[in-house]
Protein backbone atom coordinates (compact mmCIF):
# COMPACT_ATOMS: atom_id res chain seq x y z
CA ARG A 1 107.46 64.88 180.66
CA ARG A 2 109.50 67.85 181.04
CA LEU A 3 111.89 69.74 178.82
CA VAL A 4 115.55 69.76 179.94
CA GLU A 5 118.30 72.04 178.40
CA PHE A 6 121.92 71.94 178.78
CA ASP A 7 124.49 74.71 178.35
CA ASP A 8 126.95 72.40 176.57
CA VAL A 9 126.86 70.73 173.38
CA ASP A 10 128.29 67.03 173.65
CA VAL A 11 128.61 65.99 170.16
CA VAL A 12 129.08 61.89 169.51
CA VAL A 13 131.18 61.10 166.49
CA MET A 14 132.09 57.82 165.19
CA ILE A 15 135.85 57.39 164.92
CA GLU A 16 137.51 54.69 162.92
CA THR A 17 140.60 53.58 164.99
CA GLU A 18 141.54 50.78 162.95
CA ARG A 19 140.71 50.12 159.19
CA ASP A 20 137.76 47.78 158.42
CA HIS A 21 136.87 47.69 162.23
CA VAL A 22 134.02 48.74 164.04
CA ALA A 23 134.21 52.73 164.75
CA LEU A 24 134.53 53.78 168.23
CA PRO A 25 131.97 56.29 169.50
CA HIS A 26 133.53 59.29 170.98
CA ILE A 27 131.98 62.09 172.78
CA ILE A 28 133.54 65.48 172.19
CA ARG A 29 132.43 67.33 175.41
CA ALA A 30 131.40 71.01 175.26
CA ALA A 31 132.03 71.09 171.50
CA ASN A 32 130.28 74.63 171.37
CA ARG A 33 133.08 76.03 173.59
CA LYS A 34 135.99 74.55 171.34
CA THR A 35 137.59 75.55 168.09
CA VAL A 36 137.45 73.60 165.03
CA TRP A 37 140.96 72.85 165.42
CA GLU A 38 140.73 71.74 168.92
CA ILE A 39 137.92 69.42 167.99
CA HIS A 40 140.13 68.35 165.15
CA ARG A 41 143.19 67.41 167.33
CA GLU A 42 140.85 65.67 169.83
CA ILE A 43 139.56 63.38 167.18
CA ARG A 44 143.11 62.63 165.75
CA ALA A 45 144.42 61.86 169.42
CA VAL A 46 141.44 59.20 169.78
CA GLN A 47 142.66 57.76 166.37
CA ALA A 48 146.15 57.45 167.46
CA LYS A 49 145.36 56.30 171.10
CA PRO A 50 141.69 54.91 171.32
CA ALA A 51 142.12 54.21 174.89
CA ARG A 52 142.06 57.85 175.49
CA SER A 53 138.17 58.11 174.78
CA GLU A 54 135.93 57.59 177.77
CA GLN A 55 133.66 55.44 175.34
CA ALA A 56 136.63 53.00 174.92
CA ARG A 57 136.55 52.03 178.55
CA GLY A 58 133.64 50.84 180.92
CA ILE A 59 130.09 49.81 180.27
CA THR A 60 130.28 51.11 176.56
CA ALA A 61 132.85 48.56 175.73
CA LEU A 62 130.82 45.78 176.96
CA ALA A 63 127.76 46.51 175.02
CA PRO A 64 128.23 44.64 172.11
CA TYR A 65 128.33 41.44 174.54
CA VAL A 66 125.28 42.33 176.48
CA PRO A 67 121.75 40.56 175.68
CA GLY A 68 119.20 42.94 173.73
CA PHE A 69 116.69 42.86 176.46
CA ILE A 70 119.44 43.87 179.12
CA ARG A 71 120.20 46.87 176.62
CA ASP A 72 116.67 47.87 176.35
CA VAL A 73 116.52 48.20 180.26
CA PHE A 74 119.56 50.49 179.73
CA TYR A 75 117.91 52.59 176.89
CA TRP A 76 114.62 52.74 178.90
CA ALA A 77 116.85 54.02 181.90
CA PHE A 78 118.59 56.72 179.53
CA ARG A 79 115.26 58.20 178.39
CA GLN A 80 113.91 58.54 182.15
CA ASN A 81 117.13 60.68 183.25
CA PRO A 82 118.49 63.29 180.58
CA ARG A 83 121.57 63.97 182.64
CA TRP A 84 122.73 60.69 182.74
CA LEU A 85 121.87 60.33 178.90
CA LYS A 86 124.03 63.46 178.40
CA ALA A 87 126.97 61.84 180.36
CA ARG A 88 126.98 58.63 178.45
CA ALA A 89 125.64 59.46 174.97
CA GLY A 90 125.92 63.29 174.53
CA THR A 91 123.69 65.60 173.01
CA VAL A 92 124.16 65.61 169.40
CA VAL A 93 125.18 62.94 167.02
CA VAL A 94 127.23 63.13 163.87
CA THR A 95 128.14 60.78 161.35
CA SER A 96 129.67 60.69 157.82
CA VAL A 97 128.25 58.42 154.97
CA GLY A 98 130.25 60.30 152.21
CA LEU A 99 133.66 59.64 153.51
CA PHE A 100 134.99 57.65 150.67
CA GLY A 101 132.65 58.18 147.79
CA GLN A 102 132.40 61.00 145.48
CA GLY A 103 128.99 62.36 144.43
CA ALA A 104 125.96 63.56 146.34
CA GLY A 105 124.82 61.28 149.24
CA TRP A 106 121.99 61.74 151.99
CA GLY A 107 121.25 59.95 154.93
CA LEU A 108 118.96 59.84 157.74
CA THR A 109 119.99 59.70 161.25
CA PHE A 110 118.05 57.50 163.74
CA LEU A 111 117.34 59.58 166.75
CA PRO A 112 116.46 57.42 169.82
CA PHE A 113 118.29 59.67 172.20
CA HIS A 114 119.60 62.83 170.46
CA THR A 115 117.72 66.17 169.62
CA LEU A 116 119.84 66.79 166.76
CA GLY A 117 121.77 64.55 164.15
CA LEU A 118 123.96 65.66 161.40
CA THR A 119 124.70 63.33 158.57
CA ILE A 120 127.75 64.45 156.35
CA GLY A 121 127.13 63.08 152.77
CA GLY A 122 129.47 63.21 149.71
CA ILE A 123 130.80 66.04 147.66
CA ALA A 124 129.60 66.44 144.19
CA GLU A 125 130.32 68.81 141.51
CA LYS A 126 127.18 70.50 139.89
CA PRO A 127 126.49 73.72 137.82
CA GLY A 128 125.77 76.76 139.84
CA VAL A 129 125.15 80.50 139.45
CA VAL A 130 128.46 82.19 140.57
CA GLU A 131 128.53 86.32 140.22
CA GLY A 132 125.80 86.06 137.69
CA ARG A 133 127.58 83.10 135.59
CA ILE A 134 127.05 79.33 135.61
CA ALA A 135 130.09 77.53 136.89
CA ILE A 136 130.87 74.20 138.26
CA ARG A 137 131.09 74.18 142.00
CA GLU A 138 131.60 71.58 144.57
CA TYR A 139 128.41 70.91 146.80
CA LEU A 140 128.65 69.14 150.14
CA SER A 141 125.41 67.20 151.17
CA LEU A 142 124.36 67.55 154.66
CA THR A 143 121.29 66.14 156.16
CA LEU A 144 120.05 67.47 159.49
CA SER A 145 117.52 65.36 161.55
CA PHE A 146 115.74 66.84 164.36
CA ASP A 147 113.34 65.23 167.04
CA HIS A 148 110.09 67.22 166.38
CA ASP A 149 108.89 66.02 169.68
CA ILE A 150 111.40 68.88 171.20
CA VAL A 151 112.31 70.96 168.30
CA ASP A 152 109.42 72.70 166.36
CA GLY A 153 109.95 72.94 162.58
CA ALA A 154 110.36 76.80 162.18
CA PRO A 155 113.38 76.93 164.60
CA ALA A 156 114.79 73.88 163.23
CA ALA A 157 114.57 75.39 159.66
CA ARG A 158 116.07 78.84 160.84
CA PHE A 159 118.78 76.72 162.49
CA THR A 160 119.37 74.95 159.25
CA GLN A 161 119.78 78.29 157.26
CA GLN A 162 122.19 79.80 159.83
CA LEU A 163 124.46 76.60 159.94
CA LYS A 164 124.37 76.78 155.89
CA GLU A 165 125.48 80.31 156.02
CA LEU A 166 128.25 79.79 158.54
CA LEU A 167 129.70 76.89 156.80
CA GLU A 168 129.59 78.56 153.37
CA GLN A 169 131.62 81.28 155.12
CA GLY A 170 134.18 78.86 156.52
CA TYR A 171 133.26 80.13 159.89
CA GLY A 172 136.14 79.27 162.36
CA LEU A 173 138.52 77.90 160.03
CA TYR A 174 141.86 79.89 159.57
CA SER A 175 144.88 78.76 157.76
CA GLN A 176 148.27 80.70 157.76
CA GLY A 177 146.50 83.97 158.67
CA GLY A 178 143.73 83.59 155.76
CA GLU A 179 140.40 82.54 156.04
CA VAL A 180 139.07 79.15 154.27
CA GLY A 181 135.85 79.34 152.84
CA VAL A 182 133.48 76.72 151.48
CA ASP A 183 131.68 77.12 148.13
CA VAL A 184 128.12 75.75 148.61
CA ILE A 185 126.54 73.63 151.03
CA GLU A 186 123.20 71.65 150.35
CA CYS A 187 121.27 70.94 153.57
CA SER A 188 118.34 68.82 153.61
CA HIS A 189 116.06 68.96 156.69
CA ALA A 190 114.53 65.42 157.72
CA HIS A 191 111.82 64.88 160.30
CA ASP A 192 112.05 62.12 163.11
């Protein structure tokens, strides 16, 4: 019955460590303090050696073998202690549904524990207006899901717009001294 705010954003991502196996959840700690390249290297390191991930060990590794009613007790306990939840499940979840397909793709993130979920869809070519002309551009589909018990619609919409603008500018991406940009991002805003 209280709002708890954290200074750091811990992002949960699903990492495929072996082809055709269940993905490993990994928490990128303090992602808001890391560069895109530091996050990229961390993900690649977990792919190469999954045992480096704290989620590959301990209670998380046992979760698939625990009966549902016992997991429900843990879920209840998570909701009662935000600091424990952050330590075990992060604060934001990111997933990808468009990794192997082409064309637009949208998804809804189920948010039993997280305030924000980002679903990365596919990339599709569509006509768009570029410098007063119609041209074919690539569009990336993103879905942002918010827990509206915690985040009001107006701040969520402003966050969505700011994220879109930053992604379109290629914020934080540098290659060989030149900035890498992104053409267009389509964002949708889902309610939980």
